[in-house]
Amino acid sequence: PYMLVLGEKEATDNKVAVRRQAKGDLGAMDIDQFIALVQ
């Protein structure tokens, strides 16, 4: 369902680039924000 694409920018900003199955790119999020979305 979810992919987190992580590069140097995401590591520096402490974020995750989120992709959703069949929906594509959802943009960058804080890790806590992504966890809340999934939960």
PDB file of all heavy atoms in Angstrom:
ATOM      1  N   PRO A   1       0.793  -1.237   0.000  1.00  0.00           N
ATOM      2  CA  PRO A   1       0.000   0.000   0.000  1.00  0.00           C
ATOM      3  C   PRO A   1       0.826   1.289   0.000  1.00  0.00           C
ATOM      4  O   PRO A   1       0.533   2.216  -0.748  1.00  0.00           O
ATOM      5  CB  PRO A   1      -0.833  -0.121   1.273  1.00  0.00           C
ATOM      6  CG  PRO A   1      -0.917  -1.583   1.550  1.00  0.00           C
ATOM      7  CD  PRO A   1       0.382  -2.148   1.091  1.00  0.00           C
ATOM      8  N   TYR A   2       1.868   1.361   0.841  1.00  0.00           N
ATOM      9  CA  TYR A   2       2.640   2.600   0.958  1.00  0.00           C
ATOM     10  C   TYR A   2       4.112   2.356   0.652  1.00  0.00           C
ATOM     11  O   TYR A   2       4.686   1.326   1.021  1.00  0.00           O
ATOM     12  CB  TYR A   2       2.531   3.180   2.366  1.00  0.00           C
ATOM     13  CG  TYR A   2       1.245   3.926   2.620  1.00  0.00           C
ATOM     14  CD1 TYR A   2       0.228   3.344   3.351  1.00  0.00           C
ATOM     15  CD2 TYR A   2       1.052   5.220   2.131  1.00  0.00           C
ATOM     16  CE1 TYR A   2      -0.962   4.021   3.598  1.00  0.00           C
ATOM     17  CE2 TYR A   2      -0.125   5.905   2.366  1.00  0.00           C
ATOM     18  CZ  TYR A   2      -1.134   5.306   3.099  1.00  0.00           C
ATOM     19  OH  TYR A   2      -2.306   5.983   3.330  1.00  0.00           O
ATOM     20  N   MET A   3       4.726   3.346  -0.020  1.00  0.00           N
ATOM     21  CA  MET A   3       6.170   3.374  -0.236  1.00  0.00           C
ATOM     22  C   MET A   3       6.718   4.663   0.365  1.00  0.00           C
ATOM     23  O   MET A   3       6.104   5.729   0.214  1.00  0.00           O
ATOM     24  CB  MET A   3       6.497   3.375  -1.728  1.00  0.00           C
ATOM     25  CG  MET A   3       6.264   2.075  -2.439  1.00  0.00           C
ATOM     26  SD  MET A   3       6.574   2.268  -4.205  1.00  0.00           S
ATOM     27  CE  MET A   3       4.894   2.378  -4.819  1.00  0.00           C
ATOM     28  N   LEU A   4       7.861   4.546   1.014  1.00  0.00           N
ATOM     29  CA  LEU A   4       8.575   5.723   1.513  1.00  0.00           C
ATOM     30  C   LEU A   4       9.900   5.805   0.767  1.00  0.00           C
ATOM     31  O   LEU A   4      10.764   4.935   0.932  1.00  0.00           O
ATOM     32  CB  LEU A   4       8.817   5.616   3.020  1.00  0.00           C
ATOM     33  CG  LEU A   4       7.567   5.482   3.903  1.00  0.00           C
ATOM     34  CD1 LEU A   4       7.961   5.439   5.368  1.00  0.00           C
ATOM     35  CD2 LEU A   4       6.584   6.622   3.643  1.00  0.00           C
ATOM     36  N   VAL A   5      10.034   6.815  -0.087  1.00  0.00           N
ATOM     37  CA  VAL A   5      11.262   7.014  -0.855  1.00  0.00           C
ATOM     38  C   VAL A   5      12.155   7.956  -0.058  1.00  0.00           C
ATOM     39  O   VAL A   5      11.777   9.096   0.242  1.00  0.00           O
ATOM     40  CB  VAL A   5      10.947   7.595  -2.249  1.00  0.00           C
ATOM     41  CG1 VAL A   5      12.238   7.765  -3.046  1.00  0.00           C
ATOM     42  CG2 VAL A   5       9.974   6.685  -3.000  1.00  0.00           C
ATOM     43  N   LEU A   6      13.357   7.471   0.300  1.00  0.00           N
ATOM     44  CA  LEU A   6      14.236   8.226   1.193  1.00  0.00           C
ATOM     45  C   LEU A   6      15.568   8.530   0.517  1.00  0.00           C
ATOM     46  O   LEU A   6      16.285   7.618   0.088  1.00  0.00           O
ATOM     47  CB  LEU A   6      14.494   7.437   2.483  1.00  0.00           C
ATOM     48  CG  LEU A   6      13.263   6.949   3.255  1.00  0.00           C
ATOM     49  CD1 LEU A   6      13.689   6.230   4.518  1.00  0.00           C
ATOM     50  CD2 LEU A   6      12.337   8.105   3.586  1.00  0.00           C
ATOM     51  N   GLY A   7      15.852   9.836   0.431  1.00  0.00           N
ATOM     52  CA  GLY A   7      17.144  10.283  -0.068  1.00  0.00           C
ATOM     53  C   GLY A   7      17.824  11.159   0.965  1.00  0.00           C
ATOM     54  O   GLY A   7      17.379  11.256   2.120  1.00  0.00           O
ATOM     55  N   GLU A   8      18.904  11.817   0.544  1.00  0.00           N
ATOM     56  CA  GLU A   8      19.647  12.660   1.487  1.00  0.00           C
ATOM     57  C   GLU A   8      18.792  13.818   1.985  1.00  0.00           C
ATOM     58  O   GLU A   8      18.873  14.202   3.164  1.00  0.00           O
ATOM     59  CB  GLU A   8      20.917  13.186   0.816  1.00  0.00           C
ATOM     60  CG  GLU A   8      21.937  12.077   0.516  1.00  0.00           C
ATOM     61  CD  GLU A   8      23.213  12.634  -0.083  1.00  0.00           C
ATOM     62  OE1 GLU A   8      23.799  13.550   0.533  1.00  0.00           O
ATOM     63  OE2 GLU A   8      23.607  12.166  -1.170  1.00  0.00           O
ATOM     64  N   LYS A   9      17.952  14.394   1.114  1.00  0.00           N
ATOM     65  CA  LYS A   9      17.114  15.527   1.528  1.00  0.00           C
ATOM     66  C   LYS A   9      16.136  15.099   2.628  1.00  0.00           C
ATOM     67  O   LYS A   9      15.946  15.808   3.618  1.00  0.00           O
ATOM     68  CB  LYS A   9      16.332  16.076   0.334  1.00  0.00           C
ATOM     69  CG  LYS A   9      15.538  17.339   0.641  1.00  0.00           C
ATOM     70  CD  LYS A   9      14.876  17.884  -0.609  1.00  0.00           C
ATOM     71  CE  LYS A   9      14.243  19.251  -0.361  1.00  0.00           C
ATOM     72  NZ  LYS A   9      13.343  19.295   0.780  1.00  0.00           N
ATOM     73  N   GLU A  10      15.479  13.936   2.446  1.00  0.00           N
ATOM     74  CA  GLU A  10      14.534  13.445   3.457  1.00  0.00           C
ATOM     75  C   GLU A  10      15.251  13.206   4.782  1.00  0.00           C
ATOM     76  O   GLU A  10      14.722  13.523   5.857  1.00  0.00           O
ATOM     77  CB  GLU A  10      13.869  12.142   2.982  1.00  0.00           C
ATOM     78  CG  GLU A  10      12.789  12.307   1.922  1.00  0.00           C
ATOM     79  CD  GLU A  10      13.346  12.617   0.545  1.00  0.00           C
ATOM     80  OE1 GLU A  10      14.507  12.204   0.269  1.00  0.00           O
ATOM     81  OE2 GLU A  10      12.651  13.269  -0.258  1.00  0.00           O
ATOM     82  N   ALA A  11      16.474  12.651   4.704  1.00  0.00           N
ATOM     83  CA  ALA A  11      17.235  12.393   5.930  1.00  0.00           C
ATOM     84  C   ALA A  11      17.588  13.692   6.633  1.00  0.00           C
ATOM     85  O   ALA A  11      17.500  13.804   7.866  1.00  0.00           O
ATOM     86  CB  ALA A  11      18.492  11.600   5.597  1.00  0.00           C
ATOM     87  N   THR A  12      17.978  14.696   5.849  1.00  0.00           N
ATOM     88  CA  THR A  12      18.347  15.997   6.427  1.00  0.00           C
ATOM     89  C   THR A  12      17.144  16.666   7.065  1.00  0.00           C
ATOM     90  O   THR A  12      17.224  17.233   8.172  1.00  0.00           O
ATOM     91  CB  THR A  12      18.932  16.916   5.337  1.00  0.00           C
ATOM     92  OG1 THR A  12      20.076  16.275   4.760  1.00  0.00           O
ATOM     93  CG2 THR A  12      19.329  18.266   5.918  1.00  0.00           C
ATOM     94  N   ASP A  13      15.979  16.601   6.375  1.00  0.00           N
ATOM     95  CA  ASP A  13      14.765  17.278   6.867  1.00  0.00           C
ATOM     96  C   ASP A  13      13.970  16.426   7.857  1.00  0.00           C
ATOM     97  O   ASP A  13      12.944  16.879   8.377  1.00  0.00           O
ATOM     98  CB  ASP A  13      13.855  17.641   5.682  1.00  0.00           C
ATOM     99  CG  ASP A  13      14.508  18.637   4.738  1.00  0.00           C
ATOM    100  OD1 ASP A  13      15.486  19.282   5.159  1.00  0.00           O
ATOM    101  OD2 ASP A  13      14.045  18.744   3.579  1.00  0.00           O
ATOM    102  N   ASN A  14      14.420  15.195   8.085  1.00  0.00           N
ATOM    103  CA  ASN A  14      13.705  14.266   8.970  1.00  0.00           C
ATOM    104  C   ASN A  14      12.267  14.035   8.483  1.00  0.00           C
ATOM    105  O   ASN A  14      11.319  14.033   9.267  1.00  0.00           O
ATOM    106  CB  ASN A  14      13.700  14.774  10.416  1.00  0.00           C
ATOM    107  CG  ASN A  14      13.629  13.635  11.413  1.00  0.00           C
ATOM    108  OD1 ASN A  14      14.139  12.549  11.164  1.00  0.00           O
ATOM    109  ND2 ASN A  14      12.979  13.876  12.534  1.00  0.00           N
ATOM    110  N   LYS A  15      12.149  13.827   7.166  1.00  0.00           N
ATOM    111  CA  LYS A  15      10.839  13.601   6.546  1.00  0.00           C
ATOM    112  C   LYS A  15      10.862  12.307   5.729  1.00  0.00           C
ATOM    113  O   LYS A  15      11.914  11.670   5.566  1.00  0.00           O
ATOM    114  CB  LYS A  15      10.455  14.776   5.651  1.00  0.00           C
ATOM    115  CG  LYS A  15      10.141  16.073   6.382  1.00  0.00           C
ATOM    116  CD  LYS A  15       9.723  17.172   5.426  1.00  0.00           C
ATOM    117  CE  LYS A  15       9.381  18.468   6.143  1.00  0.00           C
ATOM    118  NZ  LYS A  15       8.195  18.350   6.989  1.00  0.00           N
ATOM    119  N   VAL A  16       9.694  11.961   5.184  1.00  0.00           N
ATOM    120  CA  VAL A  16       9.585  10.813   4.285  1.00  0.00           C
ATOM    121  C   VAL A  16       8.773  11.238   3.064  1.00  0.00           C
ATOM    122  O   VAL A  16       7.774  11.961   3.192  1.00  0.00           O
ATOM    123  CB  VAL A  16       8.917   9.600   4.968  1.00  0.00           C
ATOM    124  CG1 VAL A  16       9.832   9.009   6.030  1.00  0.00           C
ATOM    125  CG2 VAL A  16       7.576   9.958   5.582  1.00  0.00           C
ATOM    126  N   ALA A  17       9.218  10.807   1.879  1.00  0.00           N
ATOM    127  CA  ALA A  17       8.467  11.065   0.647  1.00  0.00           C
ATOM    128  C   ALA A  17       7.515   9.893   0.441  1.00  0.00           C
ATOM    129  O   ALA A  17       7.951   8.748   0.279  1.00  0.00           O
ATOM    130  CB  ALA A  17       9.412  11.209  -0.541  1.00  0.00           C
ATOM    131  N   VAL A  18       6.203  10.170   0.440  1.00  0.00           N
ATOM    132  CA  VAL A  18       5.187   9.116   0.502  1.00  0.00           C
ATOM    133  C   VAL A  18       4.558   8.879  -0.863  1.00  0.00           C
ATOM    134  O   VAL A  18       4.165   9.823  -1.551  1.00  0.00           O
ATOM    135  CB  VAL A  18       4.092   9.488   1.524  1.00  0.00           C
ATOM    136  CG1 VAL A  18       3.072   8.350   1.639  1.00  0.00           C
ATOM    137  CG2 VAL A  18       4.695   9.809   2.876  1.00  0.00           C
ATOM    138  N   ARG A  19       4.469   7.613  -1.244  1.00  0.00           N
ATOM    139  CA  ARG A  19       3.718   7.201  -2.425  1.00  0.00           C
ATOM    140  C   ARG A  19       2.663   6.191  -1.992  1.00  0.00           C
ATOM    141  O   ARG A  19       2.924   5.316  -1.172  1.00  0.00           O
ATOM    142  CB  ARG A  19       4.633   6.571  -3.482  1.00  0.00           C
ATOM    143  CG  ARG A  19       5.595   7.531  -4.132  1.00  0.00           C
ATOM    144  CD  ARG A  19       6.470   6.818  -5.155  1.00  0.00           C
ATOM    145  NE  ARG A  19       5.690   6.291  -6.256  1.00  0.00           N
ATOM    146  CZ  ARG A  19       5.415   6.972  -7.376  1.00  0.00           C
ATOM    147  NH1 ARG A  19       5.876   8.205  -7.533  1.00  0.00           N
ATOM    148  NH2 ARG A  19       4.696   6.426  -8.333  1.00  0.00           N
ATOM    149  N   ARG A  20       1.446   6.302  -2.543  1.00  0.00           N
ATOM    150  CA  ARG A  20       0.345   5.384  -2.205  1.00  0.00           C
ATOM    151  C   ARG A  20       0.044   4.505  -3.400  1.00  0.00           C
ATOM    152  O   ARG A  20       0.003   4.979  -4.542  1.00  0.00           O
ATOM    153  CB  ARG A  20      -0.914   6.183  -1.808  1.00  0.00           C
ATOM    154  CG  ARG A  20      -2.103   5.319  -1.361  1.00  0.00           C
ATOM    155  CD  ARG A  20      -1.792   4.597  -0.064  1.00  0.00           C
ATOM    156  NE  ARG A  20      -2.969   4.052   0.590  1.00  0.00           N
ATOM    157  CZ  ARG A  20      -3.414   2.796   0.436  1.00  0.00           C
ATOM    158  NH1 ARG A  20      -2.804   1.962  -0.389  1.00  0.00           N
ATOM    159  NH2 ARG A  20      -4.461   2.370   1.121  1.00  0.00           N
ATOM    160  N   GLN A  21      -0.145   3.221  -3.155  1.00  0.00           N
ATOM    161  CA  GLN A  21      -0.479   2.261  -4.206  1.00  0.00           C
ATOM    162  C   GLN A  21      -1.613   2.796  -5.071  1.00  0.00           C
ATOM    163  O   GLN A  21      -2.668   3.199  -4.564  1.00  0.00           O
ATOM    164  CB  GLN A  21      -0.906   0.936  -3.566  1.00  0.00           C
ATOM    165  CG  GLN A  21      -1.566  -0.048  -4.481  1.00  0.00           C
ATOM    166  CD  GLN A  21      -0.597  -0.739  -5.414  1.00  0.00           C
ATOM    167  OE1 GLN A  21      -0.900  -0.906  -6.582  1.00  0.00           O
ATOM    168  NE2 GLN A  21       0.555  -1.139  -4.931  1.00  0.00           N
ATOM    169  N   ALA A  22      -1.388   2.859  -6.369  1.00  0.00           N
ATOM    170  CA  ALA A  22      -2.369   3.268  -7.386  1.00  0.00           C
ATOM    171  C   ALA A  22      -2.735   4.749  -7.336  1.00  0.00           C
ATOM    172  O   ALA A  22      -3.515   5.211  -8.161  1.00  0.00           O
ATOM    173  CB  ALA A  22      -3.640   2.431  -7.278  1.00  0.00           C
ATOM    174  N   LYS A  23      -2.159   5.514  -6.390  1.00  0.00           N
ATOM    175  CA  LYS A  23      -2.465   6.953  -6.317  1.00  0.00           C
ATOM    176  C   LYS A  23      -1.254   7.816  -6.640  1.00  0.00           C
ATOM    177  O   LYS A  23      -1.397   8.987  -6.995  1.00  0.00           O
ATOM    178  CB  LYS A  23      -2.996   7.313  -4.926  1.00  0.00           C
ATOM    179  CG  LYS A  23      -4.406   6.828  -4.656  1.00  0.00           C
ATOM    180  CD  LYS A  23      -4.908   7.358  -3.321  1.00  0.00           C
ATOM    181  CE  LYS A  23      -6.357   6.937  -3.079  1.00  0.00           C
ATOM    182  NZ  LYS A  23      -6.870   7.437  -1.776  1.00  0.00           N
ATOM    183  N   GLY A  24      -0.074   7.249  -6.470  1.00  0.00           N
ATOM    184  CA  GLY A  24       1.120   8.004  -6.793  1.00  0.00           C
ATOM    185  C   GLY A  24       1.652   8.815  -5.631  1.00  0.00           C
ATOM    186  O   GLY A  24       1.431   8.504  -4.457  1.00  0.00           O
ATOM    187  N   ASP A  25       2.336   9.905  -5.955  1.00  0.00           N
ATOM    188  CA  ASP A  25       3.077  10.711  -4.986  1.00  0.00           C
ATOM    189  C   ASP A  25       2.132  11.522  -4.098  1.00  0.00           C
ATOM    190  O   ASP A  25       1.288  12.277  -4.584  1.00  0.00           O
ATOM    191  CB  ASP A  25       4.018  11.646  -5.754  1.00  0.00           C
ATOM    192  CG  ASP A  25       5.041  12.312  -4.854  1.00  0.00           C
ATOM    193  OD1 ASP A  25       4.991  12.080  -3.632  1.00  0.00           O
ATOM    194  OD2 ASP A  25       5.875  13.061  -5.382  1.00  0.00           O
ATOM    195  N   LEU A  26       2.265  11.374  -2.772  1.00  0.00           N
ATOM    196  CA  LEU A  26       1.486  12.178  -1.816  1.00  0.00           C
ATOM    197  C   LEU A  26       2.317  13.296  -1.202  1.00  0.00           C
ATOM    198  O   LEU A  26       1.821  14.034  -0.351  1.00  0.00           O
ATOM    199  CB  LEU A  26       0.930  11.280  -0.697  1.00  0.00           C
ATOM    200  CG  LEU A  26       0.012  10.125  -1.108  1.00  0.00           C
ATOM    201  CD1 LEU A  26      -0.531   9.421   0.136  1.00  0.00           C
ATOM    202  CD2 LEU A  26      -1.131  10.601  -1.988  1.00  0.00           C
ATOM    203  N   GLY A  27       3.605  13.393  -1.599  1.00  0.00           N
ATOM    204  CA  GLY A  27       4.450  14.470  -1.096  1.00  0.00           C
ATOM    205  C   GLY A  27       5.220  14.078   0.156  1.00  0.00           C
ATOM    206  O   GLY A  27       5.112  12.964   0.668  1.00  0.00           O
ATOM    207  N   ALA A  28       6.013  15.039   0.655  1.00  0.00           N
ATOM    208  CA  ALA A  28       6.847  14.810   1.839  1.00  0.00           C
ATOM    209  C   ALA A  28       6.036  15.038   3.108  1.00  0.00           C
ATOM    210  O   ALA A  28       5.178  15.926   3.169  1.00  0.00           O
ATOM    211  CB  ALA A  28       8.058  15.726   1.810  1.00  0.00           C
ATOM    212  N   MET A  29       6.314  14.223   4.129  1.00  0.00           N
ATOM    213  CA  MET A  29       5.625  14.344   5.417  1.00  0.00           C
ATOM    214  C   MET A  29       6.626  14.137   6.541  1.00  0.00           C
ATOM    215  O   MET A  29       7.638  13.442   6.378  1.00  0.00           O
ATOM    216  CB  MET A  29       4.541  13.270   5.573  1.00  0.00           C
ATOM    217  CG  MET A  29       3.424  13.296   4.579  1.00  0.00           C
ATOM    218  SD  MET A  29       2.225  11.976   4.967  1.00  0.00           S
ATOM    219  CE  MET A  29       1.171  12.070   3.508  1.00  0.00           C
ATOM    220  N   ASP A  30       6.297  14.702   7.714  1.00  0.00           N
ATOM    221  CA  ASP A  30       7.023  14.327   8.925  1.00  0.00           C
ATOM    222  C   ASP A  30       6.715  12.861   9.219  1.00  0.00           C
ATOM    223  O   ASP A  30       5.628  12.358   8.891  1.00  0.00           O
ATOM    224  CB  ASP A  30       6.571  15.179  10.120  1.00  0.00           C
ATOM    225  CG  ASP A  30       6.981  16.640   9.961  1.00  0.00           C
ATOM    226  OD1 ASP A  30       8.001  16.889   9.299  1.00  0.00           O
ATOM    227  OD2 ASP A  30       6.259  17.503  10.489  1.00  0.00           O
ATOM    228  N   ILE A  31       7.646  12.188   9.868  1.00  0.00           N
ATOM    229  CA  ILE A  31       7.427  10.771  10.180  1.00  0.00           C
ATOM    230  C   ILE A  31       6.196  10.597  11.053  1.00  0.00           C
ATOM    231  O   ILE A  31       5.368   9.708  10.828  1.00  0.00           O
ATOM    232  CB  ILE A  31       8.674  10.178  10.869  1.00  0.00           C
ATOM    233  CG1 ILE A  31       9.876  10.245   9.924  1.00  0.00           C
ATOM    234  CG2 ILE A  31       8.413   8.725  11.280  1.00  0.00           C
ATOM    235  CD1 ILE A  31      11.179   9.799  10.554  1.00  0.00           C
ATOM    236  N   ASP A  32       6.031  11.468  12.042  1.00  0.00           N
ATOM    237  CA  ASP A  32       4.862  11.372  12.933  1.00  0.00           C
ATOM    238  C   ASP A  32       3.565  11.572  12.159  1.00  0.00           C
ATOM    239  O   ASP A  32       2.552  10.926  12.444  1.00  0.00           O
ATOM    240  CB  ASP A  32       4.959  12.406  14.058  1.00  0.00           C
ATOM    241  CG  ASP A  32       6.044  12.062  15.065  1.00  0.00           C
ATOM    242  OD1 ASP A  32       6.502  10.902  15.053  1.00  0.00           O
ATOM    243  OD2 ASP A  32       6.441  12.947  15.842  1.00  0.00           O
ATOM    244  N   GLN A  33       3.616  12.467  11.170  1.00  0.00           N
ATOM    245  CA  GLN A  33       2.429  12.723  10.342  1.00  0.00           C
ATOM    246  C   GLN A  33       2.064  11.488   9.528  1.00  0.00           C
ATOM    247  O   GLN A  33       0.888  11.122   9.412  1.00  0.00           O
ATOM    248  CB  GLN A  33       2.703  13.911   9.411  1.00  0.00           C
ATOM    249  CG  GLN A  33       1.519  14.324   8.555  1.00  0.00           C
ATOM    250  CD  GLN A  33       1.874  15.448   7.579  1.00  0.00           C
ATOM    251  OE1 GLN A  33       3.005  15.964   7.579  1.00  0.00           O
ATOM    252  NE2 GLN A  33       0.923  15.833   6.751  1.00  0.00           N
ATOM    253  N   PHE A  34       3.080  10.814   8.974  1.00  0.00           N
ATOM    254  CA  PHE A  34       2.830   9.597   8.201  1.00  0.00           C
ATOM    255  C   PHE A  34       2.295   8.486   9.098  1.00  0.00           C
ATOM    256  O   PHE A  34       1.347   7.776   8.731  1.00  0.00           O
ATOM    257  CB  PHE A  34       4.111   9.143   7.498  1.00  0.00           C
ATOM    258  CG  PHE A  34       3.961   7.822   6.802  1.00  0.00           C
ATOM    259  CD1 PHE A  34       3.174   7.699   5.667  1.00  0.00           C
ATOM    260  CD2 PHE A  34       4.573   6.684   7.313  1.00  0.00           C
ATOM    261  CE1 PHE A  34       3.017   6.475   5.034  1.00  0.00           C
ATOM    262  CE2 PHE A  34       4.423   5.456   6.688  1.00  0.00           C
ATOM    263  CZ  PHE A  34       3.644   5.354   5.540  1.00  0.00           C
ATOM    264  N   ILE A  35       2.869   8.327  10.274  1.00  0.00           N
ATOM    265  CA  ILE A  35       2.400   7.300  11.209  1.00  0.00           C
ATOM    266  C   ILE A  35       0.939   7.534  11.557  1.00  0.00           C
ATOM    267  O   ILE A  35       0.123   6.595  11.581  1.00  0.00           O
ATOM    268  CB  ILE A  35       3.281   7.285  12.479  1.00  0.00           C
ATOM    269  CG1 ILE A  35       4.670   6.716  12.149  1.00  0.00           C
ATOM    270  CG2 ILE A  35       2.618   6.471  13.594  1.00  0.00           C
ATOM    271  CD1 ILE A  35       5.673   6.832  13.274  1.00  0.00           C
ATOM    272  N   ALA A  36       0.571   8.790  11.797  1.00  0.00           N
ATOM    273  CA  ALA A  36      -0.826   9.120  12.125  1.00  0.00           C
ATOM    274  C   ALA A  36      -1.748   8.792  10.952  1.00  0.00           C
ATOM    275  O   ALA A  36      -2.870   8.303  11.146  1.00  0.00           O
ATOM    276  CB  ALA A  36      -0.939  10.591  12.500  1.00  0.00           C
ATOM    277  N   LEU A  37      -1.276   9.042   9.720  1.00  0.00           N
ATOM    278  CA  LEU A  37      -2.066   8.748   8.518  1.00  0.00           C
ATOM    279  C   LEU A  37      -2.354   7.250   8.426  1.00  0.00           C
ATOM    280  O   LEU A  37      -3.501   6.832   8.196  1.00  0.00           O
ATOM    281  CB  LEU A  37      -1.296   9.213   7.279  1.00  0.00           C
ATOM    282  CG  LEU A  37      -1.890   8.836   5.909  1.00  0.00           C
ATOM    283  CD1 LEU A  37      -3.160   9.626   5.650  1.00  0.00           C
ATOM    284  CD2 LEU A  37      -0.872   9.074   4.796  1.00  0.00           C
ATOM    285  N   VAL A  38      -1.324   6.439   8.618  1.00  0.00           N
ATOM    286  CA  VAL A  38      -1.487   4.992   8.531  1.00  0.00           C
ATOM    287  C   VAL A  38      -2.389   4.484   9.654  1.00  0.00           C
ATOM    288  O   VAL A  38      -3.301   3.678   9.424  1.00  0.00           O
ATOM    289  CB  VAL A  38      -0.110   4.297   8.583  1.00  0.00           C
ATOM    290  CG1 VAL A  38      -0.280   2.781   8.687  1.00  0.00           C
ATOM    291  CG2 VAL A  38       0.709   4.643   7.348  1.00  0.00           C
ATOM    292  N   GLN A  39      -2.162   4.953  10.857  1.00  0.00           N
ATOM    293  CA  GLN A  39      -2.952   4.474  11.998  1.00  0.00           C
ATOM    294  C   GLN A  39      -4.420   4.842  11.866  1.00  0.00           C
ATOM    295  O   GLN A  39      -5.302   4.060  12.235  1.00  0.00           O
ATOM    296  CB  GLN A  39      -2.373   5.037  13.297  1.00  0.00           C
ATOM    297  CG  GLN A  39      -1.023   4.419  13.660  1.00  0.00           C
ATOM    298  CD  GLN A  39      -0.415   5.015  14.914  1.00  0.00           C
ATOM    299  OE1 GLN A  39      -0.717   6.155  15.287  1.00  0.00           O
ATOM    300  NE2 GLN A  39       0.447   4.257  15.573  1.00  0.00           N
TER     301      GLN A  39
END
